[in-house]
Amino acid sequence: MKKSFTYAPQPFTPMPKNSKNLPVCSSVYVTNSNKDGRKIPDKVFKQRIKEVETMLLKLFGGHSTDQLEHGEYLSKHNKLVSEKVARITVFSNVHVYKKHQNALKKWLLQKKNEWNQETIGYEFESDLYYI
């Protein structure tokens, strides 16, 4: 099934004057560990969050950040890894998202290598991708 960027009806009829619809929602997940499951210092974790915030602000004009308590997953070697997680979320219109999606993809792949990550979690329209 191919998803549309906007599939929900308007929340109000009529919409209030000067309302703006930002139907494209995406999030980047930043963790405090590397691909070997080793923890990174809190200072480095916070710097990574700030890097993502700065890039999303530059590309999409805003962001919000949630510090999640923790996340867990099974590694390739079936080892339980528990880590701190931050979710940085942006909303944009379709035109702006399409304009910047390739730059975002390239930047995320660069950070994946730079940060020694097995994957970077990227949520798009409520679907989670490990890239």
Protein backbone atom coordinates (compact mmCIF):
# COMPACT_ATOMS: atom_id res chain seq x y z
CA MET A 1 0.00 0.00 0.00
CA LYS A 2 1.41 3.36 -0.99
CA LYS A 3 0.96 5.99 1.68
CA SER A 4 -0.13 9.51 0.97
CA PHE A 5 1.42 12.39 2.84
CA THR A 6 -1.97 13.48 4.05
CA TYR A 7 -4.80 11.05 4.59
CA ALA A 8 -6.73 12.57 7.48
CA PRO A 9 -9.63 14.99 7.15
CA GLN A 10 -9.21 18.55 8.35
CA PRO A 11 -9.73 18.75 12.12
CA PHE A 12 -12.07 21.77 11.93
CA THR A 13 -14.66 22.95 9.43
CA PRO A 14 -14.05 25.66 8.51
CA MET A 15 -10.39 25.86 9.43
CA PRO A 16 -9.42 28.90 11.54
CA LYS A 17 -7.96 31.78 9.56
CA ASN A 18 -4.19 31.61 8.94
CA SER A 19 -4.03 27.91 9.84
CA LYS A 20 -1.09 26.04 8.39
CA ASN A 21 -1.07 22.32 7.60
CA LEU A 22 2.23 20.45 8.04
CA PRO A 23 1.20 16.90 7.12
CA VAL A 24 4.65 15.30 6.84
CA CYS A 25 5.93 14.04 10.20
CA SER A 26 9.35 12.46 10.62
CA SER A 27 11.69 11.76 13.52
CA VAL A 28 15.34 10.87 14.01
CA TYR A 29 16.30 8.64 16.94
CA VAL A 30 19.65 9.24 18.64
CA THR A 31 21.05 6.69 21.10
CA ASN A 32 23.83 6.82 23.67
CA SER A 33 25.63 3.72 22.40
CA ASN A 34 27.61 2.68 19.34
CA LYS A 35 27.17 -0.37 17.10
CA ASP A 36 29.16 -2.51 19.55
CA GLY A 37 26.70 -1.64 22.34
CA ARG A 38 29.25 0.49 24.18
CA LYS A 39 27.94 3.63 25.85
CA ILE A 40 29.15 7.03 24.74
CA PRO A 41 29.74 9.86 27.26
CA ASP A 42 26.67 12.00 28.11
CA LYS A 43 28.42 15.05 26.67
CA VAL A 44 28.82 13.29 23.28
CA PHE A 45 25.19 12.07 23.42
CA LYS A 46 23.99 15.65 23.97
CA GLN A 47 26.23 16.91 21.16
CA ARG A 48 24.71 14.38 18.76
CA ILE A 49 21.20 15.44 19.74
CA LYS A 50 22.19 19.07 19.14
CA GLU A 51 23.65 18.17 15.71
CA VAL A 52 20.37 16.54 14.67
CA GLU A 53 18.34 19.47 16.03
CA THR A 54 20.52 21.94 14.13
CA MET A 55 20.23 20.05 10.84
CA LEU A 56 16.46 19.57 11.10
CA LEU A 57 16.02 23.23 12.00
CA LYS A 58 18.08 24.21 8.95
CA LEU A 59 16.18 21.90 6.58
CA PHE A 60 12.62 22.15 7.90
CA GLY A 61 12.48 25.28 10.04
CA GLY A 62 11.78 23.67 13.41
CA HIS A 63 11.88 20.58 15.61
CA SER A 64 10.86 19.19 18.97
CA THR A 65 12.93 16.84 21.10
CA ASP A 66 11.79 14.10 23.46
CA GLN A 67 14.24 12.44 25.85
CA LEU A 68 12.87 8.92 26.15
CA GLU A 69 13.69 7.01 29.33
CA HIS A 70 15.36 4.15 27.51
CA GLY A 71 15.06 1.71 24.65
CA GLU A 72 16.06 -1.93 24.29
CA TYR A 73 16.79 -4.18 21.35
CA LEU A 74 18.49 -7.47 20.55
CA SER A 75 21.82 -7.07 18.76
CA LYS A 76 22.89 -9.16 15.78
CA HIS A 77 24.51 -11.50 18.33
CA ASN A 78 21.23 -11.84 20.27
CA LYS A 79 22.53 -9.67 23.12
CA LEU A 80 20.08 -7.36 24.91
CA VAL A 81 21.19 -3.74 24.53
CA SER A 82 19.61 -1.07 26.73
CA GLU A 83 20.28 2.58 25.92
CA LYS A 84 19.09 6.14 26.36
CA VAL A 85 17.17 7.44 23.38
CA ALA A 86 16.25 10.92 22.13
CA ARG A 87 13.61 11.45 19.44
CA ILE A 88 13.88 14.64 17.40
CA THR A 89 10.68 15.29 15.42
CA VAL A 90 9.84 17.65 12.58
CA PHE A 91 6.67 18.53 10.73
CA SER A 92 6.73 20.01 7.26
CA ASN A 93 4.66 20.49 4.17
CA VAL A 94 5.06 18.11 1.23
CA HIS A 95 7.01 20.58 -0.93
CA VAL A 96 9.61 21.30 1.76
CA TYR A 97 10.01 17.62 2.64
CA LYS A 98 10.53 16.57 -0.98
CA LYS A 99 12.96 19.44 -1.50
CA HIS A 100 15.19 18.30 1.39
CA GLN A 101 14.68 14.51 1.60
CA ASN A 102 17.84 13.63 -0.36
CA ALA A 103 19.99 16.00 1.70
CA LEU A 104 18.53 14.49 4.88
CA LYS A 105 19.18 10.92 3.70
CA LYS A 106 22.78 11.75 2.77
CA TRP A 107 23.36 13.48 6.11
CA LEU A 108 21.87 10.59 8.12
CA LEU A 109 24.07 8.04 6.32
CA GLN A 110 27.10 10.25 6.98
CA LYS A 111 26.24 10.47 10.70
CA LYS A 112 25.65 6.71 10.87
CA ASN A 113 29.27 6.15 9.81
CA GLU A 114 30.71 9.06 11.78
CA TRP A 115 28.94 7.98 14.97
CA ASN A 116 29.85 4.29 14.51
CA GLN A 117 26.20 3.20 14.44
CA GLU A 118 24.82 -0.10 13.18
CA THR A 119 21.69 1.82 12.16
CA ILE A 120 19.96 5.13 12.73
CA GLY A 121 16.27 5.00 13.52
CA TYR A 122 14.17 7.19 11.21
CA GLU A 123 10.43 7.40 11.65
CA PHE A 124 8.38 8.57 8.69
CA GLU A 125 4.61 8.93 8.90
CA SER A 126 4.48 6.50 11.87
CA ASP A 127 6.62 3.85 10.13
CA LEU A 128 10.05 3.18 11.66
CA TYR A 129 13.01 2.50 9.39
CA TYR A 130 16.50 1.42 10.41
CA ILE A 131 18.88 2.97 7.91
